[in-house]
Amino acid sequence: MTTPDAGPPRTPRPPGTADHGPRALRRWVAAHPPAAFVVLAYGISWTLWVPLVAGLGGPAAQALLLVGGLGPAASALIVLRGTGAPVRPWARQIVRWRVPLRYYLYALGLPPLLLAIVNVELALVGQEIDLALLGERLPAYLGTFLLVATVGGGFEEPGWRGFALPRLQERFAPLAATCLLAVVWGVWHLPLYGLGFVGPMVFAFFYTWLYNRTGSVLLCILLHGSFTPALDHLVLRADNTTVDVAIGATLVTAAVVLVLVTRGRLGFDAARNRAHRAA
């Protein structure tokens, strides 16, 4: 009995070698979506920001700044498509607006509230607060809010909160997932902020609670849009070391209180987390 001709025998791969081609890369991405997302987010954004670090200015610099900020969202989309995961549930989170009013109040009101507390603290330690500045700075606050929430940093959120956070919370406790994401998110800002990259690491806890309670990336975008102008415009005196310490201490204290009040859960519910990703 003869067997069909199967062609020349294949040369066996030597022991200890691995397939490093595109197929192996796809397998790695499929097995490690959060890690693939982080690598892509850093690669896309930092590549676009290199000219800024090198001193590029003008309209070209502004364009690279904005496009680089889209790196996390683009990375999430690339990983979803590359792994064959559905894109629609992820995209729906970006426009999910049907949430209770109290979460809008949180997204829009928490940053101004925290900065109001900072101003009170500064006044109590003898720093002169100029309330007249409030009328001058409100238009700038609103303008910055609209910029960040429409074309600026707010559009990082489909990546950090819409993609990375729910997947990290499948593997780690909410507090651990948030701490891990806080470091990744903070260091991602390093080319732009320098040592100021520590700031976003504190903010991450406020975003986690909001996302976990609503499943809405849109609300996270609004929170992002509110935090940036609050920090830029709502401290009613010139910047100095005391101002920086007061801001840092207030934000850290608020984050610790949030963690303690939620017993480290930060609004997380496993069933709701799965529903947010599948809705």
C-alpha atoms as a PDB file:
ATOM      1  CA  MET A   1       0.000   0.000   0.000  1.00  0.00           C
ATOM      2  CA  THR A   2       1.411   3.399  -0.961  1.00  0.00           C
ATOM      3  CA  THR A   3       0.822   6.783   0.620  1.00  0.00           C
ATOM      4  CA  PRO A   4       0.228  10.006  -1.281  1.00  0.00           C
ATOM      5  CA  ASP A   5       3.275  12.100  -2.001  1.00  0.00           C
ATOM      6  CA  ALA A   6       3.389  14.745   0.735  1.00  0.00           C
ATOM      7  CA  GLY A   7       6.311  16.562  -0.830  1.00  0.00           C
ATOM      8  CA  PRO A   8       9.774  16.894   0.610  1.00  0.00           C
ATOM      9  CA  PRO A   9      10.002  16.401   4.349  1.00  0.00           C
ATOM     10  CA  ARG A  10      10.028  19.567   6.442  1.00  0.00           C
ATOM     11  CA  THR A  11      13.207  20.427   8.231  1.00  0.00           C
ATOM     12  CA  PRO A  12      12.442  20.244  11.930  1.00  0.00           C
ATOM     13  CA  ARG A  13      12.990  23.419  13.906  1.00  0.00           C
ATOM     14  CA  PRO A  14      16.009  23.057  16.182  1.00  0.00           C
ATOM     15  CA  PRO A  15      15.113  22.544  19.822  1.00  0.00           C
ATOM     16  CA  GLY A  16      14.950  25.747  21.844  1.00  0.00           C
ATOM     17  CA  THR A  17      14.134  28.003  18.886  1.00  0.00           C
ATOM     18  CA  ALA A  18      10.895  29.950  18.551  1.00  0.00           C
ATOM     19  CA  ASP A  19       8.821  31.384  15.760  1.00  0.00           C
ATOM     20  CA  HIS A  20       9.482  35.131  15.792  1.00  0.00           C
ATOM     21  CA  GLY A  21       7.372  35.970  12.763  1.00  0.00           C
ATOM     22  CA  PRO A  22       4.092  37.855  12.487  1.00  0.00           C
ATOM     23  CA  ARG A  23       2.107  34.801  13.567  1.00  0.00           C
ATOM     24  CA  ALA A  24       4.019  34.590  16.843  1.00  0.00           C
ATOM     25  CA  LEU A  25       3.511  38.309  17.393  1.00  0.00           C
ATOM     26  CA  ARG A  26      -0.242  37.941  16.884  1.00  0.00           C
ATOM     27  CA  ARG A  27      -0.300  35.065  19.369  1.00  0.00           C
ATOM     28  CA  TRP A  28       1.545  37.174  21.922  1.00  0.00           C
ATOM     29  CA  VAL A  29      -0.842  40.110  21.449  1.00  0.00           C
ATOM     30  CA  ALA A  30      -3.838  37.784  21.774  1.00  0.00           C
ATOM     31  CA  ALA A  31      -2.405  36.337  25.002  1.00  0.00           C
ATOM     32  CA  HIS A  32      -1.384  39.710  26.477  1.00  0.00           C
ATOM     33  CA  PRO A  33      -3.754  42.451  25.249  1.00  0.00           C
ATOM     34  CA  PRO A  34      -3.031  44.958  28.079  1.00  0.00           C
ATOM     35  CA  ALA A  35       0.740  44.641  27.600  1.00  0.00           C
ATOM     36  CA  ALA A  36       0.404  44.999  23.828  1.00  0.00           C
ATOM     37  CA  PHE A  37      -1.760  48.061  24.364  1.00  0.00           C
ATOM     38  CA  VAL A  38       0.845  49.697  26.616  1.00  0.00           C
ATOM     39  CA  VAL A  39       3.706  49.004  24.203  1.00  0.00           C
ATOM     40  CA  LEU A  40       1.735  50.494  21.314  1.00  0.00           C
ATOM     41  CA  ALA A  41       0.523  53.490  23.330  1.00  0.00           C
ATOM     42  CA  TYR A  42       4.050  54.406  24.361  1.00  0.00           C
ATOM     43  CA  GLY A  43       5.445  53.700  20.900  1.00  0.00           C
ATOM     44  CA  ILE A  44       2.889  55.819  19.042  1.00  0.00           C
ATOM     45  CA  SER A  45       2.768  58.752  21.449  1.00  0.00           C
ATOM     46  CA  TRP A  46       6.451  59.005  22.322  1.00  0.00           C
ATOM     47  CA  THR A  47       7.471  58.744  18.668  1.00  0.00           C
ATOM     48  CA  LEU A  48       5.223  61.683  17.822  1.00  0.00           C
ATOM     49  CA  TRP A  49       6.431  63.663  20.844  1.00  0.00           C
ATOM     50  CA  VAL A  50      10.165  63.270  20.166  1.00  0.00           C
ATOM     51  CA  PRO A  51      10.259  66.493  18.063  1.00  0.00           C
ATOM     52  CA  LEU A  52       8.618  68.379  20.952  1.00  0.00           C
ATOM     53  CA  VAL A  53      11.307  67.195  23.365  1.00  0.00           C
ATOM     54  CA  ALA A  54      13.901  68.240  20.793  1.00  0.00           C
ATOM     55  CA  GLY A  55      12.516  71.785  20.804  1.00  0.00           C
ATOM     56  CA  LEU A  56      10.065  71.914  17.909  1.00  0.00           C
ATOM     57  CA  GLY A  57       7.537  74.739  18.285  1.00  0.00           C
ATOM     58  CA  GLY A  58       4.727  76.427  16.406  1.00  0.00           C
ATOM     59  CA  PRO A  59       1.658  74.868  14.771  1.00  0.00           C
ATOM     60  CA  ALA A  60       3.527  71.663  13.917  1.00  0.00           C
ATOM     61  CA  ALA A  61       4.294  71.117  17.592  1.00  0.00           C
ATOM     62  CA  GLN A  62       0.663  71.656  18.553  1.00  0.00           C
ATOM     63  CA  ALA A  63      -0.442  69.163  15.911  1.00  0.00           C
ATOM     64  CA  LEU A  64       2.027  66.518  17.112  1.00  0.00           C
ATOM     65  CA  LEU A  65       0.977  67.134  20.708  1.00  0.00           C
ATOM     66  CA  LEU A  66      -2.692  66.518  19.919  1.00  0.00           C
ATOM     67  CA  VAL A  67      -2.130  63.552  17.595  1.00  0.00           C
ATOM     68  CA  GLY A  68       0.282  61.960  20.072  1.00  0.00           C
ATOM     69  CA  GLY A  69      -2.429  62.188  22.712  1.00  0.00           C
ATOM     70  CA  LEU A  70      -4.547  59.873  20.581  1.00  0.00           C
ATOM     71  CA  GLY A  71      -1.956  57.111  20.945  1.00  0.00           C
ATOM     72  CA  PRO A  72      -3.812  55.213  23.712  1.00  0.00           C
ATOM     73  CA  ALA A  73      -7.142  55.266  21.847  1.00  0.00           C
ATOM     74  CA  ALA A  74      -5.481  54.194  18.608  1.00  0.00           C
ATOM     75  CA  SER A  75      -3.612  51.429  20.425  1.00  0.00           C
ATOM     76  CA  ALA A  76      -6.809  50.078  21.952  1.00  0.00           C
ATOM     77  CA  LEU A  77      -8.424  49.945  18.515  1.00  0.00           C
ATOM     78  CA  ILE A  78      -5.388  48.244  16.965  1.00  0.00           C
ATOM     79  CA  VAL A  79      -5.267  45.565  19.674  1.00  0.00           C
ATOM     80  CA  LEU A  80      -8.999  44.925  19.428  1.00  0.00           C
ATOM     81  CA  ARG A  81      -8.833  44.523  15.670  1.00  0.00           C
ATOM     82  CA  GLY A  82      -5.631  42.491  15.853  1.00  0.00           C
ATOM     83  CA  THR A  83      -7.117  40.009  18.317  1.00  0.00           C
ATOM     84  CA  GLY A  84     -10.472  39.765  16.553  1.00  0.00           C
ATOM     85  CA  ALA A  85     -12.317  41.201  19.558  1.00  0.00           C
ATOM     86  CA  PRO A  86     -15.492  43.193  18.846  1.00  0.00           C
ATOM     87  CA  VAL A  87     -14.921  46.931  18.525  1.00  0.00           C
ATOM     88  CA  ARG A  88     -18.531  48.057  18.956  1.00  0.00           C
ATOM     89  CA  PRO A  89     -18.839  47.490  22.742  1.00  0.00           C
ATOM     90  CA  TRP A  90     -15.618  49.445  23.286  1.00  0.00           C
ATOM     91  CA  ALA A  91     -16.822  52.266  21.035  1.00  0.00           C
ATOM     92  CA  ARG A  92     -20.235  52.431  22.731  1.00  0.00           C
ATOM     93  CA  GLN A  93     -18.567  53.352  26.022  1.00  0.00           C
ATOM     94  CA  ILE A  94     -17.236  56.530  24.428  1.00  0.00           C
ATOM     95  CA  VAL A  95     -20.742  57.828  23.778  1.00  0.00           C
ATOM     96  CA  ARG A  96     -22.509  56.325  26.801  1.00  0.00           C
ATOM     97  CA  TRP A  97     -24.329  59.320  28.238  1.00  0.00           C
ATOM     98  CA  ARG A  98     -27.371  57.737  29.907  1.00  0.00           C
ATOM     99  CA  VAL A  99     -26.083  57.723  33.468  1.00  0.00           C
ATOM    100  CA  PRO A 100     -27.585  59.287  36.621  1.00  0.00           C
ATOM    101  CA  LEU A 101     -27.102  63.014  37.026  1.00  0.00           C
ATOM    102  CA  ARG A 102     -24.962  62.592  40.137  1.00  0.00           C
ATOM    103  CA  TYR A 103     -22.146  61.176  38.031  1.00  0.00           C
ATOM    104  CA  TYR A 104     -22.153  64.244  35.792  1.00  0.00           C
ATOM    105  CA  LEU A 105     -21.945  66.337  38.955  1.00  0.00           C
ATOM    106  CA  TYR A 106     -18.976  64.250  40.063  1.00  0.00           C
ATOM    107  CA  ALA A 107     -17.189  64.532  36.697  1.00  0.00           C
ATOM    108  CA  LEU A 108     -17.726  68.264  36.363  1.00  0.00           C
ATOM    109  CA  GLY A 109     -17.718  69.296  40.009  1.00  0.00           C
ATOM    110  CA  LEU A 110     -15.046  67.236  41.770  1.00  0.00           C
ATOM    111  CA  PRO A 111     -11.999  69.081  40.362  1.00  0.00           C
ATOM    112  CA  PRO A 112     -13.351  72.595  41.117  1.00  0.00           C
ATOM    113  CA  LEU A 113     -14.320  71.381  44.601  1.00  0.00           C
ATOM    114  CA  LEU A 114     -10.827  70.051  45.290  1.00  0.00           C
ATOM    115  CA  LEU A 115      -9.244  73.282  44.057  1.00  0.00           C
ATOM    116  CA  ALA A 116     -11.646  75.317  46.221  1.00  0.00           C
ATOM    117  CA  ILE A 117     -10.360  73.314  49.194  1.00  0.00           C
ATOM    118  CA  VAL A 118      -6.802  74.115  48.100  1.00  0.00           C
ATOM    119  CA  ASN A 119      -7.608  77.842  48.108  1.00  0.00           C
ATOM    120  CA  VAL A 120      -9.053  77.579  51.622  1.00  0.00           C
ATOM    121  CA  GLU A 121      -5.946  75.734  52.816  1.00  0.00           C
ATOM    122  CA  LEU A 122      -3.693  78.383  51.294  1.00  0.00           C
ATOM    123  CA  ALA A 123      -5.647  81.164  52.989  1.00  0.00           C
ATOM    124  CA  LEU A 124      -5.372  79.363  56.344  1.00  0.00           C
ATOM    125  CA  VAL A 125      -1.566  79.219  56.097  1.00  0.00           C
ATOM    126  CA  GLY A 126      -1.304  82.906  55.241  1.00  0.00           C
ATOM    127  CA  GLN A 127      -1.142  82.809  51.439  1.00  0.00           C
ATOM    128  CA  GLU A 128      -3.006  85.737  49.892  1.00  0.00           C
ATOM    129  CA  ILE A 129      -5.993  84.587  47.812  1.00  0.00           C
ATOM    130  CA  ASP A 130      -7.278  87.055  45.218  1.00  0.00           C
ATOM    131  CA  LEU A 131     -10.971  86.299  44.664  1.00  0.00           C
ATOM    132  CA  ALA A 132     -11.044  88.913  41.891  1.00  0.00           C
ATOM    133  CA  LEU A 133      -9.024  86.503  39.784  1.00  0.00           C
ATOM    134  CA  LEU A 134     -12.008  84.141  39.635  1.00  0.00           C
ATOM    135  CA  GLY A 135     -13.941  86.388  37.265  1.00  0.00           C
ATOM    136  CA  GLU A 136     -10.907  86.705  35.001  1.00  0.00           C
ATOM    137  CA  ARG A 137     -10.132  82.997  34.970  1.00  0.00           C
ATOM    138  CA  LEU A 138     -13.578  81.490  34.470  1.00  0.00           C
ATOM    139  CA  PRO A 139     -13.548  82.151  30.686  1.00  0.00           C
ATOM    140  CA  ALA A 140     -10.112  80.518  30.491  1.00  0.00           C
ATOM    141  CA  TYR A 141     -11.419  77.593  32.561  1.00  0.00           C
ATOM    142  CA  LEU A 142     -14.338  77.056  30.182  1.00  0.00           C
ATOM    143  CA  GLY A 143     -12.139  77.410  27.098  1.00  0.00           C
ATOM    144  CA  THR A 144      -9.609  74.891  28.377  1.00  0.00           C
ATOM    145  CA  PHE A 145     -12.389  72.511  29.392  1.00  0.00           C
ATOM    146  CA  LEU A 146     -13.859  72.554  25.877  1.00  0.00           C
ATOM    147  CA  LEU A 147     -10.431  72.075  24.304  1.00  0.00           C
ATOM    148  CA  VAL A 148      -9.455  69.129  26.505  1.00  0.00           C
ATOM    149  CA  ALA A 149     -12.878  67.452  26.326  1.00  0.00           C
ATOM    150  CA  THR A 150     -13.172  67.674  22.534  1.00  0.00           C
ATOM    151  CA  VAL A 151      -9.728  67.467  20.924  1.00  0.00           C
ATOM    152  CA  GLY A 152      -7.257  67.398  23.814  1.00  0.00           C
ATOM    153  CA  GLY A 153      -6.162  65.035  26.550  1.00  0.00           C
ATOM    154  CA  GLY A 154      -9.649  63.731  27.220  1.00  0.00           C
ATOM    155  CA  PHE A 155      -9.327  61.451  24.244  1.00  0.00           C
ATOM    156  CA  GLU A 156      -6.715  59.403  26.031  1.00  0.00           C
ATOM    157  CA  GLU A 157      -9.607  57.892  27.976  1.00  0.00           C
ATOM    158  CA  PRO A 158     -10.874  55.344  25.419  1.00  0.00           C
ATOM    159  CA  GLY A 159      -7.488  53.717  25.883  1.00  0.00           C
ATOM    160  CA  TRP A 160      -6.737  54.021  29.592  1.00  0.00           C
ATOM    161  CA  ARG A 161     -10.208  53.611  31.038  1.00  0.00           C
ATOM    162  CA  GLY A 162     -12.155  52.156  28.104  1.00  0.00           C
ATOM    163  CA  PHE A 163      -9.653  49.408  27.297  1.00  0.00           C
ATOM    164  CA  ALA A 164      -6.900  48.924  29.883  1.00  0.00           C
ATOM    165  CA  LEU A 165      -8.765  49.369  33.167  1.00  0.00           C
ATOM    166  CA  PRO A 166     -11.521  46.758  32.720  1.00  0.00           C
ATOM    167  CA  ARG A 167      -9.009  44.184  31.499  1.00  0.00           C
ATOM    168  CA  LEU A 168      -6.610  44.820  34.359  1.00  0.00           C
ATOM    169  CA  GLN A 169      -9.494  44.475  36.823  1.00  0.00           C
ATOM    170  CA  GLU A 170     -10.192  41.016  35.422  1.00  0.00           C
ATOM    171  CA  ARG A 171      -6.726  39.942  36.584  1.00  0.00           C
ATOM    172  CA  PHE A 172      -6.098  42.081  39.650  1.00  0.00           C
ATOM    173  CA  ALA A 173      -8.042  43.571  42.531  1.00  0.00           C
ATOM    174  CA  PRO A 174      -9.416  47.039  41.693  1.00  0.00           C
ATOM    175  CA  LEU A 175      -6.887  48.854  43.882  1.00  0.00           C
ATOM    176  CA  ALA A 176      -3.946  46.938  42.440  1.00  0.00           C
ATOM    177  CA  ALA A 177      -5.230  47.406  38.886  1.00  0.00           C
ATOM    178  CA  THR A 178      -5.594  51.132  39.489  1.00  0.00           C
ATOM    179  CA  CYS A 179      -2.110  51.440  40.984  1.00  0.00           C
ATOM    180  CA  LEU A 180      -0.623  49.592  38.021  1.00  0.00           C
ATOM    181  CA  LEU A 181      -2.506  51.703  35.508  1.00  0.00           C
ATOM    182  CA  ALA A 182      -1.615  54.863  37.454  1.00  0.00           C
ATOM    183  CA  VAL A 183       2.100  54.161  37.011  1.00  0.00           C
ATOM    184  CA  VAL A 184       1.723  53.334  33.321  1.00  0.00           C
ATOM    185  CA  TRP A 185      -0.468  56.372  32.683  1.00  0.00           C
ATOM    186  CA  GLY A 186       1.760  58.693  34.669  1.00  0.00           C
ATOM    187  CA  VAL A 187       5.035  57.651  33.056  1.00  0.00           C
ATOM    188  CA  TRP A 188       3.402  57.931  29.623  1.00  0.00           C
ATOM    189  CA  HIS A 189       3.270  61.708  30.294  1.00  0.00           C
ATOM    190  CA  LEU A 190       7.016  61.880  31.028  1.00  0.00           C
ATOM    191  CA  PRO A 191       8.093  63.496  27.709  1.00  0.00           C
ATOM    192  CA  LEU A 192       5.550  66.292  28.239  1.00  0.00           C
ATOM    193  CA  TYR A 193       5.487  66.802  32.006  1.00  0.00           C
ATOM    194  CA  GLY A 194       8.931  65.790  33.202  1.00  0.00           C
ATOM    195  CA  LEU A 195       8.711  65.116  36.937  1.00  0.00           C
ATOM    196  CA  GLY A 196       5.104  66.322  36.795  1.00  0.00           C
ATOM    197  CA  PHE A 197       4.167  62.869  35.518  1.00  0.00           C
ATOM    198  CA  VAL A 198       3.425  62.005  39.156  1.00  0.00           C
ATOM    199  CA  GLY A 199       0.208  64.070  39.043  1.00  0.00           C
ATOM    200  CA  PRO A 200      -1.810  61.743  36.805  1.00  0.00           C
ATOM    201  CA  MET A 201      -0.833  58.833  39.042  1.00  0.00           C
ATOM    202  CA  VAL A 202      -2.969  60.365  41.805  1.00  0.00           C
ATOM    203  CA  PHE A 203      -5.868  61.252  39.495  1.00  0.00           C
ATOM    204  CA  ALA A 204      -6.240  57.623  38.385  1.00  0.00           C
ATOM    205  CA  PHE A 205      -8.212  56.651  41.500  1.00  0.00           C
ATOM    206  CA  PHE A 206     -10.943  59.208  40.765  1.00  0.00           C
ATOM    207  CA  TYR A 207     -11.288  57.927  37.198  1.00  0.00           C
ATOM    208  CA  THR A 208     -11.468  54.285  38.267  1.00  0.00           C
ATOM    209  CA  TRP A 209     -14.396  54.936  40.595  1.00  0.00           C
ATOM    210  CA  LEU A 210     -16.279  56.890  37.931  1.00  0.00           C
ATOM    211  CA  TYR A 211     -15.730  54.259  35.231  1.00  0.00           C
ATOM    212  CA  ASN A 212     -16.616  51.387  37.528  1.00  0.00           C
ATOM    213  CA  ARG A 213     -19.871  53.018  38.539  1.00  0.00           C
ATOM    214  CA  THR A 214     -20.988  54.072  35.043  1.00  0.00           C
ATOM    215  CA  GLY A 215     -19.090  52.151  32.365  1.00  0.00           C
ATOM    216  CA  SER A 216     -18.959  55.512  30.576  1.00  0.00           C
ATOM    217  CA  VAL A 217     -15.757  56.669  28.926  1.00  0.00           C
ATOM    218  CA  LEU A 218     -17.654  59.847  28.038  1.00  0.00           C
ATOM    219  CA  LEU A 219     -17.898  60.705  31.753  1.00  0.00           C
ATOM    220  CA  CYS A 220     -14.167  60.034  32.134  1.00  0.00           C
ATOM    221  CA  ILE A 221     -13.517  62.415  29.244  1.00  0.00           C
ATOM    222  CA  LEU A 222     -15.557  65.072  31.044  1.00  0.00           C
ATOM    223  CA  LEU A 223     -13.626  64.450  34.268  1.00  0.00           C
ATOM    224  CA  HIS A 224     -10.365  64.800  32.339  1.00  0.00           C
ATOM    225  CA  GLY A 225     -11.684  67.969  30.739  1.00  0.00           C
ATOM    226  CA  SER A 226     -12.514  69.345  34.186  1.00  0.00           C
ATOM    227  CA  PHE A 227      -9.298  68.425  36.005  1.00  0.00           C
ATOM    228  CA  THR A 228      -6.934  70.127  33.553  1.00  0.00           C
ATOM    229  CA  PRO A 229      -8.491  73.632  33.616  1.00  0.00           C
ATOM    230  CA  ALA A 230      -9.138  73.421  37.366  1.00  0.00           C
ATOM    231  CA  LEU A 231      -5.435  72.897  37.985  1.00  0.00           C
ATOM    232  CA  ASP A 232      -4.480  75.553  35.435  1.00  0.00           C
ATOM    233  CA  HIS A 233      -6.905  78.316  36.413  1.00  0.00           C
ATOM    234  CA  LEU A 234      -8.624  77.825  39.773  1.00  0.00           C
ATOM    235  CA  VAL A 235      -5.767  78.439  42.196  1.00  0.00           C
ATOM    236  CA  LEU A 236      -6.377  82.106  42.960  1.00  0.00           C
ATOM    237  CA  ARG A 237      -2.822  83.227  43.501  1.00  0.00           C
ATOM    238  CA  ALA A 238       0.564  82.979  41.796  1.00  0.00           C
ATOM    239  CA  ASP A 239       2.204  79.574  41.812  1.00  0.00           C
ATOM    240  CA  ASN A 240       4.836  78.795  44.433  1.00  0.00           C
ATOM    241  CA  THR A 241       6.095  75.832  46.430  1.00  0.00           C
ATOM    242  CA  THR A 242       3.346  76.172  49.035  1.00  0.00           C
ATOM    243  CA  VAL A 243       0.704  76.039  46.281  1.00  0.00           C
ATOM    244  CA  ASP A 244       2.249  72.897  44.818  1.00  0.00           C
ATOM    245  CA  VAL A 245       2.384  71.205  48.227  1.00  0.00           C
ATOM    246  CA  ALA A 246      -1.233  72.139  48.972  1.00  0.00           C
ATOM    247  CA  ILE A 247      -2.440  70.764  45.632  1.00  0.00           C
ATOM    248  CA  GLY A 248      -0.493  67.530  46.036  1.00  0.00           C
ATOM    249  CA  ALA A 249      -1.573  66.984  49.625  1.00  0.00           C
ATOM    250  CA  THR A 250      -5.222  67.679  48.846  1.00  0.00           C
ATOM    251  CA  LEU A 251      -5.321  65.312  45.871  1.00  0.00           C
ATOM    252  CA  VAL A 252      -3.521  62.522  47.720  1.00  0.00           C
ATOM    253  CA  THR A 253      -5.788  62.915  50.751  1.00  0.00           C
ATOM    254  CA  ALA A 254      -8.909  62.836  48.565  1.00  0.00           C
ATOM    255  CA  ALA A 255      -7.653  59.702  46.788  1.00  0.00           C
ATOM    256  CA  VAL A 256      -6.920  57.977  50.106  1.00  0.00           C
ATOM    257  CA  VAL A 257     -10.380  58.894  51.406  1.00  0.00           C
ATOM    258  CA  LEU A 258     -11.959  57.458  48.259  1.00  0.00           C
ATOM    259  CA  VAL A 259     -10.031  54.216  48.657  1.00  0.00           C
ATOM    260  CA  LEU A 260     -10.981  53.927  52.331  1.00  0.00           C
ATOM    261  CA  VAL A 261     -14.660  54.757  51.821  1.00  0.00           C
ATOM    262  CA  THR A 262     -14.958  52.173  49.041  1.00  0.00           C
ATOM    263  CA  ARG A 263     -12.850  49.644  51.024  1.00  0.00           C
ATOM    264  CA  GLY A 264     -10.441  49.430  48.131  1.00  0.00           C
ATOM    265  CA  ARG A 265     -13.128  48.355  45.672  1.00  0.00           C
ATOM    266  CA  LEU A 266     -13.343  51.762  43.963  1.00  0.00           C
ATOM    267  CA  GLY A 267     -16.877  51.041  42.786  1.00  0.00           C
ATOM    268  CA  PHE A 268     -15.919  47.733  41.182  1.00  0.00           C
ATOM    269  CA  ASP A 269     -18.436  44.955  40.595  1.00  0.00           C
ATOM    270  CA  ALA A 270     -17.308  41.964  38.536  1.00  0.00           C
ATOM    271  CA  ALA A 271     -20.658  41.397  36.807  1.00  0.00           C
ATOM    272  CA  ARG A 272     -21.006  45.075  35.988  1.00  0.00           C
ATOM    273  CA  ASN A 273     -17.437  45.147  34.660  1.00  0.00           C
ATOM    274  CA  ARG A 274     -18.253  42.316  32.234  1.00  0.00           C
ATOM    275  CA  ALA A 275     -21.503  44.044  31.246  1.00  0.00           C
ATOM    276  CA  HIS A 276     -19.669  47.298  30.518  1.00  0.00           C
ATOM    277  CA  ARG A 277     -17.336  45.494  28.146  1.00  0.00           C
ATOM    278  CA  ALA A 278     -20.098  43.526  26.411  1.00  0.00           C
ATOM    279  CA  ALA A 279     -22.896  46.118  26.241  1.00  0.00           C
END
